[in-house]
Amino acid sequence: MLKPIGKGIANLECMAAVLTAHAEKDSSIIVVTSDSRGSGKVTGFAQRFPRQLVEVGIAEQNSVGISAGLASCNKKVFTISPGSFLSARALEQVKNDVAYSQNPVALIGISSGVSYGGLGATHHSIHDLAVLQAIPGLEVIVPADNNETEAALISYLENPRPVYIRFGKKAMPSFYQTPSEVKIGKVSVLNEGDDLLILAIGEPLWQAYDAAVALENSGVRCSLASVHTLCPIDREAIIELASHSRAIITVEEHSVYGGLGSTVAALLMEAGIYRPMKIIGFPREEMVTGSQTDLFRHYGIDADNIRKNAMDLLNRN
């Protein structure tokens, strides 16, 4: 059976705690915000380390440019801004000032996916993974829980480099005992089975987990893996897992174009591995408005729909 899941906090709160703890002993850590210290949960960091936080206001392009300059002066820079704006309004600066120039900035996309829910399509970030993983020299990491969050942040602090780290707003269950169990750049296999492979990224991992438990209880042997590092993706592990599975499902809080599912489909086709497969995410259509929970249910990013798709795929064989 799958490992039990413990309680956790919102990944942004975990991020703030990690940054605060490390800033106590490392004055090179700088946080740059674009009117987002509150939503980014770094108000306490700003009060404690006022000389280590730069507020630029609603000016995402400036925030990335300033961050690139600070990083070029050997600062460890965390640029905190909504993922929808960081990956669109500031895209040129991300591409040229950070990635092309290899300035080691940690771009923190907050309230990503459909975390902003009712604010609608202007604030949804279901394009960011497609856009940013197409930029050479930029890593893309999407933590699912607090341990993956801490592992991603420590990975940057130990090896500063251009990286985009995507967070939502929801309090997340814990899938590991400690952050040391998470290896950034490698798929985290949470359960093994040879009937079905479920690959999930970010907050929908908990929906994938619930589906896997239900499937296991009905006799379907499931492999469940968290693909927290989208770029560079762990090709070898995914190929190995897929080659021992009868069917594959990917789950993401992103468009079905350009995210986890299409990336996995392409690499498996290139490797000559052909399995019944379903990409679960948001379709390319005008989005309805609602909470993250409402949108997950409406578009089938939930445990019941994952389970139904799994049975449909397995019944093809």
Foldseek 3Di string as FASTA:
>chain_A
DFDDWAFFFFQLCLLLVLLQVVCVPDVLEAEEEAPCCVVSVNPVVCVVCVVRYHYDHNDLLVSLLVQLVSLVVVGAYEYEDALLCNQPVNVVSLQVSPQVVWRQYEYEHEQEQCLVFQVFDSRYHQCRLLRVLVRPFEWEFADAASLSSSLVVVVCVVPGTHYYYYGRGGGHIHRDPHNVQDDAQAKAWRFDDQAEEEEEEHNLLVQVVLLCVVCVVVPGGYIYIYQRTVVVGPLVVLLVRLVRYQEYEYAYSHELPRHDNVVSVVSCVVVVRDHHYYYQYDYPDRDDGGHPVVRCVVRVSGSVSVNVVSVVRSVVD
